[in-house]
């Protein structure tokens, strides 16, 4: 099902995608920007995401969730832009290299990009950081399976595409 690019800002689609995921809503993820090349998502600091109560350091699993979501969101945006279609793309493989602990009381951001699309796999890379992308918390590479647009349920399609007229979805 073709989607005309002029009818949807990718940041809005990315925001709707993230808001469809219960863990992302619970963690407070916020899409800051999205394009056909990248997404930027913020994870606000909260007491709920602390992994070590003595230091206040964020749990590594939360950072992995942020990275995985950012990469998956980048795949959705890249496919939507290039093929004018909406596809599901579950994670096949995600390698995360932690560089340092995320500092307490600071938001964490992920900058993720989908740098290659094949007919069956999307390849991504990402950097999680706080104050500067040049001082990463973690680096990641991932691959995501491309699943046919026909496999997406109508409710999910509507949730991501918003109130577009049927002929534009």
Protein backbone atom coordinates (compact mmCIF):
# COMPACT_ATOMS: atom_id res chain seq x y z
CA UNK A 1 0.00 0.00 0.00
CA UNK A 2 1.67 3.23 -1.16
CA UNK A 3 1.88 6.29 1.06
CA UNK A 4 2.53 9.65 -0.55
CA UNK A 5 5.48 11.31 1.29
CA UNK A 6 4.14 14.85 1.11
CA UNK A 7 1.24 13.86 3.39
CA UNK A 8 3.22 12.73 6.43
CA UNK A 9 6.04 14.37 8.37
CA UNK A 10 8.40 11.58 9.43
CA UNK A 11 8.78 13.05 12.93
CA UNK A 12 5.04 12.58 13.45
CA UNK A 13 5.13 9.01 12.16
CA UNK A 14 8.15 8.25 14.36
CA UNK A 15 6.38 9.72 17.38
CA UNK A 16 3.30 7.61 16.72
CA UNK A 17 5.48 4.51 16.28
CA UNK A 18 7.23 5.06 19.61
CA UNK A 19 3.92 5.79 21.34
CA UNK A 20 2.53 2.44 20.15
CA UNK A 21 5.14 0.63 22.24
CA UNK A 22 4.07 0.25 25.88
CA UNK A 23 7.63 0.17 27.23
CA UNK A 24 8.44 3.41 25.42
CA UNK A 25 5.41 5.18 26.84
CA UNK A 26 6.28 3.91 30.34
CA UNK A 27 9.89 5.08 30.02
CA UNK A 28 8.85 8.47 28.63
CA UNK A 29 10.65 8.30 25.27
CA UNK A 30 10.21 11.43 23.17
CA UNK A 31 11.04 11.66 19.48
CA UNK A 32 12.90 14.92 18.90
CA UNK A 33 13.34 14.60 15.13
CA UNK A 34 13.14 12.09 12.34
CA UNK A 35 14.03 12.01 8.67
CA UNK A 36 14.60 9.43 5.97
CA UNK A 37 18.19 9.19 7.28
CA UNK A 38 17.94 9.25 11.08
CA UNK A 39 15.93 9.59 14.25
CA UNK A 40 16.76 11.30 17.53
CA UNK A 41 14.94 10.12 20.67
CA UNK A 42 15.23 11.37 24.24
CA UNK A 43 14.99 9.25 27.38
CA UNK A 44 14.35 11.51 30.37
CA UNK A 45 16.03 10.58 33.63
CA UNK A 46 13.77 9.26 36.35
CA UNK A 47 13.97 7.20 39.52
CA UNK A 48 12.22 4.35 37.70
CA UNK A 49 15.18 3.64 35.40
CA UNK A 50 17.96 3.47 37.99
CA UNK A 51 20.00 0.29 37.84
CA UNK A 52 22.22 0.99 40.86
CA UNK A 53 20.45 2.74 43.75
CA UNK A 54 23.76 3.70 45.38
CA UNK A 55 24.98 5.68 42.35
CA UNK A 56 21.77 6.52 40.48
CA UNK A 57 23.23 5.12 37.25
CA UNK A 58 20.66 4.16 34.59
CA UNK A 59 20.09 0.43 34.06
CA UNK A 60 21.81 -0.93 30.94
CA UNK A 61 18.62 -2.63 29.80
CA UNK A 62 16.92 0.74 29.52
CA UNK A 63 19.77 2.01 27.34
CA UNK A 64 19.44 -1.10 25.15
CA UNK A 65 15.68 -0.51 24.85
CA UNK A 66 16.34 3.10 23.80
CA UNK A 67 18.86 1.99 21.16
CA UNK A 68 16.66 -0.82 19.83
CA UNK A 69 13.67 1.51 19.57
CA UNK A 70 15.74 4.20 17.85
CA UNK A 71 17.08 1.75 15.29
CA UNK A 72 13.65 0.23 14.64
CA UNK A 73 12.15 3.68 14.26
CA UNK A 74 14.90 4.65 11.80
CA UNK A 75 14.02 1.57 9.73
CA UNK A 76 10.32 2.52 9.65
CA UNK A 77 11.22 6.04 8.47
CA UNK A 78 13.72 4.85 5.83
CA UNK A 79 11.28 2.33 4.35
CA UNK A 80 8.41 4.81 4.42
CA UNK A 81 10.50 7.40 2.61
CA UNK A 82 12.12 5.09 0.05
CA UNK A 83 9.26 2.71 -0.75
CA UNK A 84 6.26 4.80 0.34
CA UNK A 85 5.01 1.87 2.40
CA UNK A 86 4.71 0.94 6.05
CA UNK A 87 6.44 -2.25 7.15
CA UNK A 88 7.04 -4.05 10.41
CA UNK A 89 10.71 -4.70 11.08
CA UNK A 90 11.48 -6.81 14.14
CA UNK A 91 15.03 -6.92 15.48
CA UNK A 92 17.15 -9.76 14.14
CA UNK A 93 20.40 -8.82 15.82
CA UNK A 94 21.56 -5.93 17.99
CA UNK A 95 25.08 -5.50 19.28
CA UNK A 96 25.55 -2.82 21.91
CA UNK A 97 28.99 -1.76 23.11
CA UNK A 98 28.81 0.19 26.37
CA UNK A 99 31.46 2.89 26.59
CA UNK A 100 30.64 4.35 30.02
CA UNK A 101 27.72 4.53 32.45
CA UNK A 102 25.05 7.13 31.81
CA UNK A 103 25.36 9.89 34.40
CA UNK A 104 22.55 10.24 36.95
CA UNK A 105 20.01 13.07 36.65
CA UNK A 106 20.62 13.62 32.91
CA UNK A 107 18.58 12.63 29.88
CA UNK A 108 20.02 10.13 27.42
CA UNK A 109 19.59 10.54 23.66
CA UNK A 110 19.90 8.06 20.85
CA UNK A 111 20.86 9.06 17.33
CA UNK A 112 20.02 6.12 15.07
CA UNK A 113 20.22 5.66 11.33
CA UNK A 114 19.22 3.04 8.82
CA UNK A 115 22.17 3.03 6.45
CA UNK A 116 21.26 0.11 4.16
CA UNK A 117 18.06 -1.55 3.02
CA UNK A 118 18.00 -4.87 1.19
CA UNK A 119 14.89 -6.73 0.08
CA UNK A 120 14.75 -8.64 3.37
CA UNK A 121 17.00 -6.89 5.93
CA UNK A 122 17.58 -3.32 7.15
CA UNK A 123 20.96 -2.40 8.68
CA UNK A 124 21.30 0.23 11.38
CA UNK A 125 23.81 1.95 13.64
CA UNK A 126 23.28 4.13 16.68
CA UNK A 127 24.97 6.20 19.35
CA UNK A 128 23.52 6.77 22.81
CA UNK A 129 24.85 9.87 24.53
CA UNK A 130 24.05 12.56 27.08
CA UNK A 131 25.76 15.94 26.72
CA UNK A 132 27.67 15.30 23.49
CA UNK A 133 27.46 12.71 20.74
CA UNK A 134 31.27 12.82 20.81
CA UNK A 135 31.20 11.31 24.30
CA UNK A 136 28.96 8.25 23.83
CA UNK A 137 27.38 6.11 26.50
CA UNK A 138 27.08 3.28 23.95
CA UNK A 139 27.49 2.44 20.26
CA UNK A 140 25.34 -0.13 18.48
CA UNK A 141 24.81 -1.90 15.19
CA UNK A 142 21.71 -3.85 14.35
CA UNK A 143 19.83 -5.70 11.67
CA UNK A 144 16.06 -5.77 11.29
CA UNK A 145 13.86 -8.13 9.27
CA UNK A 146 11.64 -6.53 6.67
CA UNK A 147 8.11 -7.90 6.73
CA UNK A 148 5.63 -7.25 3.94
CA UNK A 149 3.31 -4.22 4.30
CA UNK A 150 0.35 -6.60 3.95
CA UNK A 151 1.24 -8.09 7.36
CA UNK A 152 0.47 -4.84 9.19
CA UNK A 153 -2.90 -4.73 10.88
CA UNK A 154 -5.25 -1.89 10.02
CA UNK A 155 -5.31 -0.61 13.62
CA UNK A 156 -1.51 -0.31 13.69
CA UNK A 157 -1.47 1.35 10.26
CA UNK A 158 -4.06 3.90 11.41
CA UNK A 159 -2.16 4.53 14.63
CA UNK A 160 1.04 5.34 12.72
CA UNK A 161 -0.44 7.22 9.82
CA UNK A 162 -2.93 9.24 11.84
CA UNK A 163 -5.95 10.72 10.13
CA UNK A 164 -4.78 10.61 6.52
CA UNK A 165 -7.51 10.07 3.97
CA UNK A 166 -7.70 6.39 2.94
CA UNK A 167 -6.47 7.16 -0.58
CA UNK A 168 -3.24 8.63 0.87
CA UNK A 169 -2.37 5.63 3.07
